[in-house]
């Protein structure tokens, strides 16, 4: 598209204009940011697909900057209050109101004011334009080619802007004129938007937007120097590499330099679009600061997105439950468990984790095939408040997660096929109903629920074996016969350190294999506390410990407190 220069004269106030899709339980509608927050107790987000994710992250950043609870006590008070703190939110939005204009000439919302020359047509804002021809993520507006993409109404342009800032693809990008990092007017090696490479996760208990926001906002004081994008000066046009300053910076990360250029009707017909800020340390930075992401650790120090555990079977309903264990992390899961332990949540509330993963067609992340979004039950708030039941939930998730690996190893051994050919055929990803029945049954009869979950896994594993191609009947029978033994072995491993009556490892299991080593409880870590070497559970059960297990674990593992300090310091809520 030929370049042209313009100085936008239109205005579109995101605080008051109706652009956020919502419903009030009966009727759909649209509201601005101000109304979304002040009526959050009676509204639900209604944006489809990625819209809910990017809007929740934006609203969480606005709420976090305006009135986020700094302590657990403040969070509990906010949760029990009928609505969010209107005075603080109103005062904050009044202070920064100028910064929420989509077309402002000096500080356009989440954009770069220096850019006044269009580099692309409106199709650049359509995330489906990053998709492959045969991909799932498509859009009819691209059917006639990108050059014929219609101009965006400002309400839709604002949502599209949030989406491309979060999910844009990596690779070679056009360089803003004068960018010192450019080579031949190109920027090479630009990274994906933060949502394009991470596993997004947020908690949903079915309540209105107020609850959704609070569940996405773990208590904590704002870090020094941490500001959302609208509190900062409009960024300079050239790209730069930097570390994030805190949660608010991370949630509003300017991954691209963008300027929406409206036409005479106020529609976005032309766009300036270039590479923006690139993170210095990528995953560690996001894992530390972004509460709505889920991770596991391949090494002691390097986090990897949760979905990379097993892309072949993603998503599976028990995946969020893995974050309840050591070696896995998700700040919002820790947050909801701690709130459940404090007794703030309704014990019968169903706690669900909404997960998102971007599937790319290449290893560079330059072409999107699909963006998957799934909602999985984590348990009831009452079960999550109980350490013993949480351990059962975690064990059930590991049983489902580890069985396919063991079964694949057995199948590869008996058939002589390469493991990477066997593994995709042994995924167990069709047990959503059975997983929910297991979780909801734990509070009534734990043993029965566990047995039924084991039977469901064994039944699906048998179906996978029966459907495995070109396998002699006697080999299939051997594999069927090994399923109970594999499950016995895994259940004993999950229960704790090996003991005299523990079953022998299944045939074909290498001693010290990664699957066995990764099982929780094999070698419980000991901590020095109260003059002894104790596990976290033993410290939590000690009569001098003033907090619950999950708060204790958070303080030691994530906040760096010494075991005795973590155990002896009462929570702020118990002090009042």
Protein backbone atom coordinates (compact mmCIF):
# COMPACT_ATOMS: atom_id res chain seq x y z
CA UNK A 1 0.00 0.00 0.00
CA UNK A 2 1.46 3.43 -0.84
CA UNK A 3 2.58 5.40 2.17
CA UNK A 4 0.96 8.69 3.08
CA UNK A 5 1.17 11.09 5.96
CA UNK A 6 -1.66 12.34 8.13
CA UNK A 7 -2.24 13.97 11.49
CA UNK A 8 -5.28 12.31 13.09
CA UNK A 9 -7.96 14.73 14.19
CA UNK A 10 -10.58 12.22 15.32
CA UNK A 11 -11.16 11.23 18.94
CA UNK A 12 -12.33 7.98 20.49
CA UNK A 13 -12.40 7.86 24.30
CA UNK A 14 -12.00 4.26 25.43
CA UNK A 15 -13.16 5.18 28.93
CA UNK A 16 -16.64 6.19 27.81
CA UNK A 17 -17.24 4.93 24.26
CA UNK A 18 -19.07 1.56 24.07
CA UNK A 19 -16.45 -0.89 22.75
CA UNK A 20 -16.10 -3.72 25.32
CA UNK A 21 -18.61 -6.56 24.69
CA UNK A 22 -20.44 -7.51 27.89
CA UNK A 23 -23.74 -8.92 29.11
CA UNK A 24 -25.62 -8.42 32.36
CA UNK A 25 -26.96 -11.96 32.61
CA UNK A 26 -29.72 -11.41 30.08
CA UNK A 27 -28.84 -8.75 27.51
CA UNK A 28 -25.64 -8.22 25.51
CA UNK A 29 -24.18 -4.76 25.08
CA UNK A 30 -20.98 -2.72 24.95
CA UNK A 31 -19.45 -0.43 27.55
CA UNK A 32 -16.35 1.69 28.03
CA UNK A 33 -13.57 0.98 30.51
CA UNK A 34 -15.07 3.24 33.17
CA UNK A 35 -18.46 1.51 33.14
CA UNK A 36 -16.88 -1.94 32.89
CA UNK A 37 -15.02 -1.36 36.17
CA UNK A 38 -17.72 0.53 38.06
CA UNK A 39 -20.41 -1.98 37.07
CA UNK A 40 -18.12 -5.01 37.18
CA UNK A 41 -20.30 -6.57 39.93
CA UNK A 42 -23.20 -6.90 37.48
CA UNK A 43 -21.46 -7.47 34.14
CA UNK A 44 -19.76 -10.41 32.43
CA UNK A 45 -17.30 -10.17 29.54
CA UNK A 46 -18.84 -11.35 26.27
CA UNK A 47 -15.99 -11.02 23.78
CA UNK A 48 -15.40 -14.23 21.79
CA UNK A 49 -12.15 -16.17 21.33
CA UNK A 50 -9.05 -14.14 22.19
CA UNK A 51 -11.14 -11.06 22.98
CA UNK A 52 -11.91 -12.13 26.54
CA UNK A 53 -8.22 -12.78 27.25
CA UNK A 54 -6.86 -9.46 25.99
CA UNK A 55 -9.71 -7.46 27.56
CA UNK A 56 -9.28 -9.18 30.93
CA UNK A 57 -5.57 -8.41 30.87
CA UNK A 58 -6.23 -4.76 30.00
CA UNK A 59 -8.92 -4.31 32.65
CA UNK A 60 -6.74 -6.09 35.23
CA UNK A 61 -3.95 -3.62 34.44
CA UNK A 62 -6.29 -0.62 34.77
CA UNK A 63 -7.75 -1.94 38.01
CA UNK A 64 -4.29 -2.90 39.24
CA UNK A 65 -2.98 0.62 38.66
CA UNK A 66 -6.04 2.25 40.19
CA UNK A 67 -7.01 0.19 43.22
CA UNK A 68 -5.34 -3.24 43.37
CA UNK A 69 -5.20 -4.74 46.89
CA UNK A 70 -1.67 -4.57 48.30
CA UNK A 71 -2.22 -7.23 51.00
CA UNK A 72 -4.28 -10.37 51.52
CA UNK A 73 -6.45 -8.49 54.00
CA UNK A 74 -7.21 -5.78 51.41
CA UNK A 75 -7.93 -8.45 48.81
CA UNK A 76 -10.33 -10.27 51.13
CA UNK A 77 -12.11 -7.00 51.85
CA UNK A 78 -12.40 -6.24 48.13
CA UNK A 79 -13.75 -9.75 47.43
CA UNK A 80 -16.44 -9.43 50.09
CA UNK A 81 -17.41 -5.88 49.09
CA UNK A 82 -20.48 -5.57 46.83
CA UNK A 83 -18.50 -3.67 44.18
CA UNK A 84 -15.00 -2.44 43.37
CA UNK A 85 -13.64 0.72 45.03
CA UNK A 86 -15.48 3.40 43.04
CA UNK A 87 -13.69 6.37 44.60
CA UNK A 88 -10.17 5.15 43.84
CA UNK A 89 -11.06 3.95 40.34
CA UNK A 90 -12.83 7.20 39.46
CA UNK A 91 -9.98 9.35 40.79
CA UNK A 92 -7.43 7.32 38.85
CA UNK A 93 -9.34 7.41 35.56
CA UNK A 94 -9.94 11.14 35.90
CA UNK A 95 -6.20 11.67 36.38
CA UNK A 96 -5.23 9.68 33.29
CA UNK A 97 -8.30 10.20 31.12
CA UNK A 98 -6.39 11.90 28.28
CA UNK A 99 -4.22 8.80 27.85
CA UNK A 100 -7.20 6.58 26.94
CA UNK A 101 -8.02 8.30 23.64
CA UNK A 102 -7.40 5.92 20.75
CA UNK A 103 -6.58 8.78 18.39
CA UNK A 104 -4.91 11.30 20.70
CA UNK A 105 -2.23 13.30 18.87
CA UNK A 106 0.38 13.28 21.66
CA UNK A 107 -0.28 9.99 23.47
CA UNK A 108 -2.58 7.64 21.51
CA UNK A 109 -3.62 4.67 23.62
CA UNK A 110 -0.99 1.87 23.54
CA UNK A 111 0.55 3.46 20.45
CA UNK A 112 3.52 5.53 19.32
CA UNK A 113 2.76 9.23 18.67
CA UNK A 114 5.95 9.66 16.60
CA UNK A 115 4.50 7.51 13.83
CA UNK A 116 2.42 9.59 11.45
CA UNK A 117 3.07 7.77 8.17
CA UNK A 118 1.13 4.66 7.25
CA UNK A 119 3.07 1.53 6.42
CA UNK A 120 0.15 -0.91 6.08
CA UNK A 121 -3.51 -1.17 5.29
CA UNK A 122 -6.12 -2.23 7.87
CA UNK A 123 -5.42 -5.96 7.36
CA UNK A 124 -2.28 -5.66 9.52
CA UNK A 125 -4.56 -5.44 12.59
CA UNK A 126 -6.31 -8.72 11.74
CA UNK A 127 -4.54 -11.50 13.62
CA UNK A 128 -5.93 -14.00 11.10
CA UNK A 129 -3.64 -12.42 8.50
CA UNK A 130 -0.79 -14.20 10.32
CA UNK A 131 -2.42 -17.55 9.65
CA UNK A 132 -1.60 -20.23 7.11
CA UNK A 133 -3.85 -20.81 4.12
CA UNK A 134 -5.10 -24.08 5.60
CA UNK A 135 -5.10 -22.93 9.20
CA UNK A 136 -8.04 -22.93 11.54
CA UNK A 137 -7.66 -19.28 12.52
CA UNK A 138 -9.28 -17.58 9.50
CA UNK A 139 -11.40 -14.50 8.82
CA UNK A 140 -13.84 -13.82 5.96
CA UNK A 141 -12.62 -10.23 5.73
CA UNK A 142 -9.40 -11.58 4.21
CA UNK A 143 -11.17 -13.59 1.52
CA UNK A 144 -10.61 -10.91 -1.14
CA UNK A 145 -7.01 -10.33 -0.20
CA UNK A 146 -5.35 -8.10 2.37
CA UNK A 147 -5.45 -5.04 0.09
CA UNK A 148 -9.26 -5.15 0.14
CA UNK A 149 -9.69 -5.52 3.90
CA UNK A 150 -12.38 -3.07 5.12
CA UNK A 151 -11.53 -0.19 7.42
CA UNK A 152 -12.07 -0.83 11.12
CA UNK A 153 -14.73 0.81 13.22
CA UNK A 154 -12.86 2.29 16.20
CA UNK A 155 -14.49 -0.10 18.69
CA UNK A 156 -13.25 -3.09 16.70
CA UNK A 157 -9.89 -1.46 15.99
CA UNK A 158 -9.23 -1.09 19.72
CA UNK A 159 -9.85 -4.79 20.33
CA UNK A 160 -7.77 -5.73 17.29
CA UNK A 161 -4.92 -3.55 18.60
CA UNK A 162 -4.91 -5.43 21.92
CA UNK A 163 -4.91 -8.74 20.05
CA UNK A 164 -1.95 -8.04 17.77
CA UNK A 165 0.07 -6.59 20.64
CA UNK A 166 -0.46 -9.88 22.46
CA UNK A 167 -0.34 -12.48 19.70
CA UNK A 168 1.67 -11.04 16.78
CA UNK A 169 4.04 -13.44 15.08
CA UNK A 170 7.84 -13.42 15.15
CA UNK A 171 10.29 -13.17 12.28
CA UNK A 172 11.39 -10.48 9.86
CA UNK A 173 9.49 -7.20 10.24
CA UNK A 174 9.56 -3.88 8.46
CA UNK A 175 11.81 -1.40 10.30
CA UNK A 176 10.73 2.08 11.22
CA UNK A 177 12.84 4.57 9.23
CA UNK A 178 15.99 5.41 11.12
CA UNK A 179 15.93 2.41 13.47
CA UNK A 180 19.63 1.69 14.27
CA UNK A 181 18.83 -2.02 14.69
CA UNK A 182 17.59 -2.31 11.09
CA UNK A 183 19.40 -4.06 8.27
CA UNK A 184 18.14 -3.15 4.84
CA UNK A 185 14.95 -1.58 6.28
CA UNK A 186 14.18 -4.84 8.09
CA UNK A 187 14.32 -6.01 11.70
CA UNK A 188 15.45 -9.62 11.92
CA UNK A 189 14.64 -11.95 14.79
CA UNK A 190 11.74 -10.01 16.27
CA UNK A 191 9.92 -12.00 18.92
CA UNK A 192 6.30 -12.97 19.21
CA UNK A 193 3.87 -10.94 21.23
CA UNK A 194 3.88 -12.20 24.84
CA UNK A 195 0.66 -14.21 24.45
CA UNK A 196 1.98 -15.87 21.31
CA UNK A 197 4.65 -17.85 23.15
CA UNK A 198 3.26 -18.35 26.66
CA UNK A 199 0.45 -20.35 28.20
CA UNK A 200 -2.10 -17.78 29.33
CA UNK A 201 -4.13 -18.81 32.39
CA UNK A 202 -6.86 -17.09 34.36
CA UNK A 203 -9.33 -18.25 36.98
CA UNK A 204 -13.09 -18.25 36.51
CA UNK A 205 -15.61 -19.24 39.19
CA UNK A 206 -18.62 -18.23 37.10
CA UNK A 207 -19.10 -14.91 38.85
CA UNK A 208 -19.27 -11.45 37.29
CA UNK A 209 -16.38 -9.37 35.99
CA UNK A 210 -15.59 -8.11 39.50
CA UNK A 211 -14.68 -11.62 40.62
CA UNK A 212 -12.84 -12.38 37.39
CA UNK A 213 -10.67 -9.28 37.91
CA UNK A 214 -9.91 -10.03 41.54
CA UNK A 215 -9.00 -13.63 40.74
CA UNK A 216 -6.62 -12.29 38.08
CA UNK A 217 -5.03 -9.84 40.54
CA UNK A 218 -3.02 -11.50 43.33
CA UNK A 219 -2.43 -9.08 46.21
CA UNK A 220 0.83 -7.16 46.14
CA UNK A 221 2.13 -3.62 46.29
CA UNK A 222 3.13 -1.92 43.04
CA UNK A 223 6.87 -2.21 42.43
CA UNK A 224 8.93 0.97 42.35
CA UNK A 225 9.04 2.28 38.80
CA UNK A 226 6.30 -0.05 37.57
CA UNK A 227 3.77 1.71 35.34
CA UNK A 228 1.25 0.65 32.69
CA UNK A 229 1.86 1.94 29.17
CA UNK A 230 -0.53 4.90 29.49
CA UNK A 231 1.37 6.32 32.49
CA UNK A 232 4.63 6.33 30.53
CA UNK A 233 5.72 8.82 27.89
CA UNK A 234 4.73 7.81 24.38
CA UNK A 235 7.57 5.51 23.25
CA UNK A 236 10.11 6.54 20.66
CA UNK A 237 9.64 4.89 17.28
CA UNK A 238 12.75 2.65 17.12
CA UNK A 239 12.53 -0.77 18.71
CA UNK A 240 14.46 -1.45 21.88
CA UNK A 241 15.38 -4.33 24.19
CA UNK A 242 14.65 -3.93 27.87
CA UNK A 243 13.49 -5.68 31.03
CA UNK A 244 9.99 -5.14 32.36
CA UNK A 245 9.63 -2.97 35.46
CA UNK A 246 6.80 -4.91 37.08
CA UNK A 247 3.39 -6.51 36.67
CA UNK A 248 1.66 -3.46 35.16
CA UNK A 249 4.45 -2.98 32.61
CA UNK A 250 4.28 -6.67 31.73
CA UNK A 251 0.48 -6.68 31.28
CA UNK A 252 0.63 -3.69 28.88
CA UNK A 253 3.89 -4.60 27.15
CA UNK A 254 4.33 -2.57 23.90
CA UNK A 255 5.56 -5.44 21.75
CA UNK A 256 4.89 -3.44 18.56
CA UNK A 257 5.08 0.23 17.59
CA UNK A 258 1.64 1.01 16.21
CA UNK A 259 -0.30 4.08 15.14
CA UNK A 260 -3.91 3.87 14.05
CA UNK A 261 -4.62 6.49 11.40
CA UNK A 262 -8.35 7.25 11.03
CA UNK A 263 -10.09 8.42 7.90
CA UNK A 264 -12.65 11.23 7.69
CA UNK A 265 -15.32 8.94 9.16
CA UNK A 266 -13.18 8.01 12.16
CA UNK A 267 -12.50 4.49 10.87
CA UNK A 268 -9.01 2.97 10.84
CA UNK A 269 -8.11 2.70 7.18
CA UNK A 270 -4.32 3.00 7.47
CA UNK A 271 -1.84 1.81 10.09
CA UNK A 272 1.80 2.38 10.97
CA UNK A 273 3.13 -0.92 12.28
CA UNK A 274 6.67 -1.86 13.36
CA UNK A 275 8.60 -3.87 15.95
CA UNK A 276 8.37 -2.53 19.52
CA UNK A 277 9.98 -3.44 22.84
CA UNK A 278 11.69 -6.83 22.98
CA UNK A 279 12.21 -8.54 26.38
CA UNK A 280 15.78 -9.02 27.56
CA UNK A 281 15.30 -12.40 29.19
CA UNK A 282 12.00 -13.49 27.64
CA UNK A 283 10.48 -16.34 29.67
CA UNK A 284 12.02 -15.66 33.12
CA UNK A 285 10.83 -12.07 32.93
CA UNK A 286 7.27 -13.04 31.99
CA UNK A 287 7.08 -15.95 34.47
CA UNK A 288 8.17 -13.71 37.33
CA UNK A 289 5.86 -10.79 36.63
CA UNK A 290 2.81 -11.94 34.67
CA UNK A 291 0.35 -13.65 37.05
CA UNK A 292 -1.81 -14.92 34.19
CA UNK A 293 0.73 -17.37 32.76
CA UNK A 294 1.43 -21.03 33.60
CA UNK A 295 4.87 -22.68 33.58
CA UNK A 296 6.94 -25.75 34.25
CA UNK A 297 10.68 -25.88 34.71
CA UNK A 298 12.85 -28.07 32.50
CA UNK A 299 15.83 -27.11 34.64
CA UNK A 300 16.22 -25.63 38.10
CA UNK A 301 16.18 -22.10 36.78
CA UNK A 302 14.66 -21.96 33.30
CA UNK A 303 10.85 -21.85 33.00
CA UNK A 304 9.01 -23.10 29.93
CA UNK A 305 5.35 -22.49 29.03
CA UNK A 306 3.01 -25.14 30.41
CA UNK A 307 1.77 -26.19 26.98
CA UNK A 308 5.27 -27.28 25.91
CA UNK A 309 5.06 -30.29 28.25
CA UNK A 310 3.23 -32.16 25.53
CA UNK A 311 2.02 -30.22 22.51
CA UNK A 312 0.73 -33.44 20.87
CA UNK A 313 -2.06 -33.87 23.44
CA UNK A 314 -2.74 -30.23 24.33
CA UNK A 315 -5.12 -29.34 25.78
CA UNK A 316 -5.94 -32.00 28.37
CA UNK A 317 -8.28 -31.14 31.26
CA UNK A 318 -5.87 -32.10 34.04
CA UNK A 319 -3.06 -29.83 32.81
CA UNK A 320 -3.90 -26.87 35.13
CA UNK A 321 -3.83 -29.18 38.16
CA UNK A 322 -0.13 -29.86 37.57
CA UNK A 323 0.56 -26.28 38.70
CA UNK A 324 -0.40 -27.34 42.23
CA UNK A 325 2.92 -29.21 42.51
CA UNK A 326 6.58 -28.34 42.90
CA UNK A 327 8.34 -27.58 39.63
CA UNK A 328 5.24 -26.02 38.11
CA UNK A 329 3.92 -22.53 38.65
CA UNK A 330 1.00 -20.23 37.98
CA UNK A 331 0.54 -17.18 40.17
CA UNK A 332 -3.24 -17.03 39.79
CA UNK A 333 -3.56 -20.70 40.79
CA UNK A 334 -1.41 -20.07 43.88
CA UNK A 335 -3.56 -17.02 44.55
CA UNK A 336 -6.90 -18.83 44.36
CA UNK A 337 -5.65 -21.70 46.53
CA UNK A 338 -4.41 -19.26 49.17
CA UNK A 339 -7.78 -17.45 49.08
CA UNK A 340 -9.57 -20.79 49.45
CA UNK A 341 -7.36 -21.68 52.41
CA UNK A 342 -8.27 -18.38 54.07
CA UNK A 343 -11.94 -19.30 53.72
CA UNK A 344 -12.82 -16.29 51.57
CA UNK A 345 -14.26 -18.21 48.62
CA UNK A 346 -17.54 -20.09 48.67
CA UNK A 347 -16.49 -23.69 49.41
CA UNK A 348 -18.87 -25.05 46.78
CA UNK A 349 -17.65 -22.75 43.99
CA UNK A 350 -16.30 -24.54 40.94
CA UNK A 351 -12.84 -23.15 40.20
CA UNK A 352 -12.00 -23.32 36.51
CA UNK A 353 -8.75 -22.40 34.75
CA UNK A 354 -9.01 -20.86 31.28
CA UNK A 355 -5.92 -21.68 29.20
CA UNK A 356 -4.72 -20.32 25.87
CA UNK A 357 -1.98 -21.57 23.58
CA UNK A 358 -0.90 -20.35 20.14
CA UNK A 359 -0.11 -23.10 17.63
CA UNK A 360 2.44 -22.12 15.01
CA UNK A 361 3.19 -23.83 11.71
CA UNK A 362 6.93 -23.42 12.09
CA UNK A 363 9.52 -23.42 14.84
CA UNK A 364 10.16 -19.70 14.37
CA UNK A 365 6.63 -18.72 15.41
CA UNK A 366 6.08 -16.75 12.21
CA UNK A 367 2.82 -18.37 11.05
CA UNK A 368 -0.22 -19.03 13.25
CA UNK A 369 -2.22 -22.18 12.66
CA UNK A 370 -4.64 -21.70 15.55
CA UNK A 371 -5.09 -20.13 18.96
CA UNK A 372 -6.67 -22.70 21.27
CA UNK A 373 -8.67 -21.65 24.31
CA UNK A 374 -9.99 -24.19 26.79
CA UNK A 375 -11.61 -24.12 30.22
CA UNK A 376 -10.73 -26.90 32.67
CA UNK A 377 -12.05 -27.59 36.16
CA UNK A 378 -9.39 -27.36 38.89
CA UNK A 379 -11.71 -28.40 41.71
CA UNK A 380 -14.12 -26.88 44.19
CA UNK A 381 -12.87 -24.10 46.45
CA UNK A 382 -13.47 -26.41 49.41
CA UNK A 383 -11.26 -29.13 47.94
CA UNK A 384 -8.52 -26.65 47.06
CA UNK A 385 -8.57 -25.37 50.65
CA UNK A 386 -7.78 -28.88 51.93
CA UNK A 387 -4.13 -29.92 51.61
CA UNK A 388 -4.95 -33.63 51.48
CA UNK A 389 -7.51 -33.22 48.71
CA UNK A 390 -5.16 -30.94 46.74
CA UNK A 391 -2.58 -33.71 46.88
CA UNK A 392 -5.19 -36.13 45.51
CA UNK A 393 -6.00 -33.71 42.68
CA UNK A 394 -2.30 -33.36 41.86
CA UNK A 395 -1.75 -37.12 42.00
CA UNK A 396 -4.70 -37.69 39.66
CA UNK A 397 -3.28 -35.18 37.20
CA UNK A 398 0.18 -36.78 37.29
CA UNK A 399 -1.32 -40.23 36.85
CA UNK A 400 -3.01 -39.07 33.64
CA UNK A 401 0.04 -37.12 32.51
CA UNK A 402 2.60 -39.88 33.12
CA UNK A 403 0.63 -42.95 31.99
CA UNK A 404 0.95 -42.16 28.25
CA UNK A 405 4.73 -41.84 28.57
CA UNK A 406 5.06 -45.20 30.31
CA UNK A 407 2.61 -46.86 27.94
CA UNK A 408 4.44 -45.43 24.93
CA UNK A 409 7.76 -46.77 26.22
CA UNK A 410 6.24 -50.23 26.64
CA UNK A 411 4.70 -50.11 23.16
CA UNK A 412 7.94 -48.96 21.55
CA UNK A 413 9.82 -51.76 23.29
CA UNK A 414 7.41 -54.51 22.22
CA UNK A 415 6.82 -53.29 18.65
CA UNK A 416 10.31 -52.03 17.87
CA UNK A 417 8.91 -48.72 16.62
CA UNK A 418 10.57 -45.37 17.40
CA UNK A 419 9.15 -43.71 20.47
CA UNK A 420 8.33 -40.48 18.61
CA UNK A 421 6.04 -42.46 16.30
CA UNK A 422 4.29 -44.21 19.16
CA UNK A 423 3.75 -41.29 21.51
CA UNK A 424 1.14 -39.32 19.48
CA UNK A 425 -1.08 -42.43 19.31
CA UNK A 426 -1.04 -42.93 23.07
CA UNK A 427 -2.40 -39.56 24.17
CA UNK A 428 -5.25 -39.58 26.68
CA UNK A 429 -7.21 -36.48 25.81
CA UNK A 430 -10.88 -37.50 25.82
CA UNK A 431 -11.65 -37.63 29.52
CA UNK A 432 -13.10 -34.20 30.31
CA UNK A 433 -16.27 -35.58 31.90
CA UNK A 434 -14.41 -38.27 33.84
CA UNK A 435 -11.89 -35.72 35.14
CA UNK A 436 -14.66 -33.47 36.42
CA UNK A 437 -16.43 -36.43 38.05
CA UNK A 438 -13.15 -37.31 39.78
CA UNK A 439 -12.67 -33.77 41.10
CA UNK A 440 -16.24 -33.34 42.27
CA UNK A 441 -16.31 -36.81 43.82
CA UNK A 442 -13.22 -36.30 45.98
CA UNK A 443 -15.09 -34.52 48.76
CA UNK A 444 -17.74 -37.28 49.02
CA UNK A 445 -15.64 -40.46 48.73
CA UNK A 446 -11.96 -39.93 47.95
CA UNK A 447 -11.09 -43.60 47.45
CA UNK A 448 -14.05 -44.26 45.17
CA UNK A 449 -13.34 -41.16 43.08
CA UNK A 450 -9.68 -42.19 42.72
CA UNK A 451 -10.61 -45.75 41.71
CA UNK A 452 -13.08 -44.49 39.09
CA UNK A 453 -10.46 -42.12 37.68
CA UNK A 454 -7.96 -44.97 37.46
CA UNK A 455 -10.55 -47.14 35.67
CA UNK A 456 -11.26 -44.32 33.19
CA UNK A 457 -7.54 -44.00 32.40
CA UNK A 458 -7.13 -47.75 32.04
CA UNK A 459 -10.17 -47.98 29.76
CA UNK A 460 -8.93 -45.27 27.39
CA UNK A 461 -5.41 -46.72 27.42
CA UNK A 462 -6.88 -50.08 26.36
CA UNK A 463 -8.70 -48.40 23.48
CA UNK A 464 -5.45 -46.79 22.34
CA UNK A 465 -3.72 -50.17 22.35
CA UNK A 466 -6.59 -51.84 20.49
CA UNK A 467 -6.42 -49.16 17.78
CA UNK A 468 -2.64 -49.25 17.39
CA UNK A 469 -1.89 -50.27 13.77
CA UNK A 470 0.01 -53.31 12.59
CA UNK A 471 0.39 -54.84 16.04
CA UNK A 472 0.19 -58.64 16.48
CA UNK A 473 -2.57 -59.85 18.84
CA UNK A 474 -0.11 -61.30 21.36
CA UNK A 475 1.69 -57.94 21.59
CA UNK A 476 -1.60 -56.13 22.16
CA UNK A 477 -2.45 -58.59 24.91
CA UNK A 478 0.91 -58.03 26.59
CA UNK A 479 0.32 -54.30 26.56
CA UNK A 480 -3.20 -54.70 27.95
CA UNK A 481 -1.82 -56.86 30.75
CA UNK A 482 0.78 -54.25 31.66
CA UNK A 483 -1.65 -51.36 32.16
CA UNK A 484 -2.65 -52.28 35.76
CA UNK A 485 1.01 -52.76 36.70
CA UNK A 486 1.97 -49.39 35.23
CA UNK A 487 -0.84 -47.70 37.15
CA UNK A 488 0.15 -49.47 40.39
CA UNK A 489 3.73 -48.35 39.95
CA UNK A 490 2.77 -44.75 39.22
CA UNK A 491 0.33 -44.56 42.14
CA UNK A 492 2.97 -45.83 44.58
CA UNK A 493 5.49 -43.36 43.18
CA UNK A 494 3.01 -40.52 43.57
CA UNK A 495 2.21 -41.54 47.15
CA UNK A 496 5.75 -40.96 48.43
CA UNK A 497 9.25 -42.45 48.69
CA UNK A 498 9.61 -46.12 47.69
CA UNK A 499 8.99 -48.70 50.40
CA UNK A 500 9.43 -52.46 50.75
CA UNK A 501 6.09 -53.46 49.21
CA UNK A 502 6.26 -51.00 46.31
CA UNK A 503 5.85 -52.69 42.91
CA UNK A 504 8.86 -53.11 40.70
CA UNK A 505 9.18 -50.63 37.82
CA UNK A 506 7.35 -51.83 34.69
CA UNK A 507 9.42 -53.64 32.12
CA UNK A 508 11.20 -51.28 29.77
CA UNK A 509 11.52 -48.51 32.40
CA UNK A 510 15.06 -47.22 32.62
CA UNK A 511 16.22 -46.57 36.21
CA UNK A 512 16.18 -42.86 36.97
CA UNK A 513 14.19 -42.02 33.84
CA UNK A 514 12.82 -38.51 33.52
CA UNK A 515 9.24 -39.62 34.07
CA UNK A 516 10.05 -41.34 37.35
CA UNK A 517 12.30 -38.54 38.52
CA UNK A 518 9.63 -35.93 37.84
CA UNK A 519 7.00 -37.59 40.01
CA UNK A 520 6.19 -35.60 43.13
CA UNK A 521 7.25 -37.04 46.45
CA UNK A 522 10.06 -39.27 45.21
CA UNK A 523 12.68 -37.27 47.14
CA UNK A 524 10.88 -34.73 49.33
CA UNK A 525 13.01 -31.68 50.01
CA UNK A 526 13.99 -31.09 53.62
CA UNK A 527 14.25 -27.70 55.31
CA UNK A 528 15.92 -26.75 58.58
CA UNK A 529 13.27 -25.51 61.00
CA UNK A 530 12.57 -25.81 64.73
CA UNK A 531 15.93 -27.55 65.24
CA UNK A 532 15.11 -30.37 62.80
CA UNK A 533 15.24 -31.22 59.10
CA UNK A 534 11.59 -31.28 58.02
CA UNK A 535 9.47 -31.41 54.87
CA UNK A 536 7.13 -28.52 54.10
CA UNK A 537 4.18 -30.63 55.24
CA UNK A 538 5.90 -31.42 58.56
CA UNK A 539 6.66 -27.72 59.09
CA UNK A 540 3.05 -26.80 58.33
CA UNK A 541 1.85 -29.41 60.86
CA UNK A 542 4.25 -28.20 63.56
CA UNK A 543 2.44 -26.61 66.55
CA UNK A 544 4.51 -23.43 66.23
CA UNK A 545 3.55 -22.88 62.56
CA UNK A 546 1.08 -20.00 62.25
CA UNK A 547 0.04 -20.39 58.58
CA UNK A 548 -1.38 -23.00 56.24
CA UNK A 549 0.68 -25.23 53.99
CA UNK A 550 0.11 -23.26 50.80
CA UNK A 551 1.01 -19.91 52.36
CA UNK A 552 4.10 -21.55 53.90
CA UNK A 553 5.16 -22.97 50.54
CA UNK A 554 4.61 -19.64 48.78
CA UNK A 555 6.68 -17.78 51.35
CA UNK A 556 9.63 -20.18 51.19
CA UNK A 557 9.67 -21.17 47.52
CA UNK A 558 8.55 -17.93 45.88
CA UNK A 559 9.21 -15.14 48.38
CA UNK A 560 12.55 -16.40 49.69
CA UNK A 561 11.65 -16.35 53.40
CA UNK A 562 13.52 -18.69 55.73
CA UNK A 563 11.43 -21.71 56.83
CA UNK A 564 11.11 -20.56 60.45
CA UNK A 565 10.34 -16.97 59.47
CA UNK A 566 7.68 -18.22 57.04
CA UNK A 567 6.18 -20.52 59.67
CA UNK A 568 6.22 -18.16 62.66
CA UNK A 569 4.90 -15.03 60.90
CA UNK A 570 1.09 -14.94 61.13
CA UNK A 571 -0.85 -13.85 58.06
CA UNK A 572 -2.10 -10.28 58.15
CA UNK A 573 -5.65 -11.54 58.27
CA UNK A 574 -5.04 -13.61 61.40
CA UNK A 575 -3.39 -10.65 63.10
CA UNK A 576 -6.54 -8.54 62.84
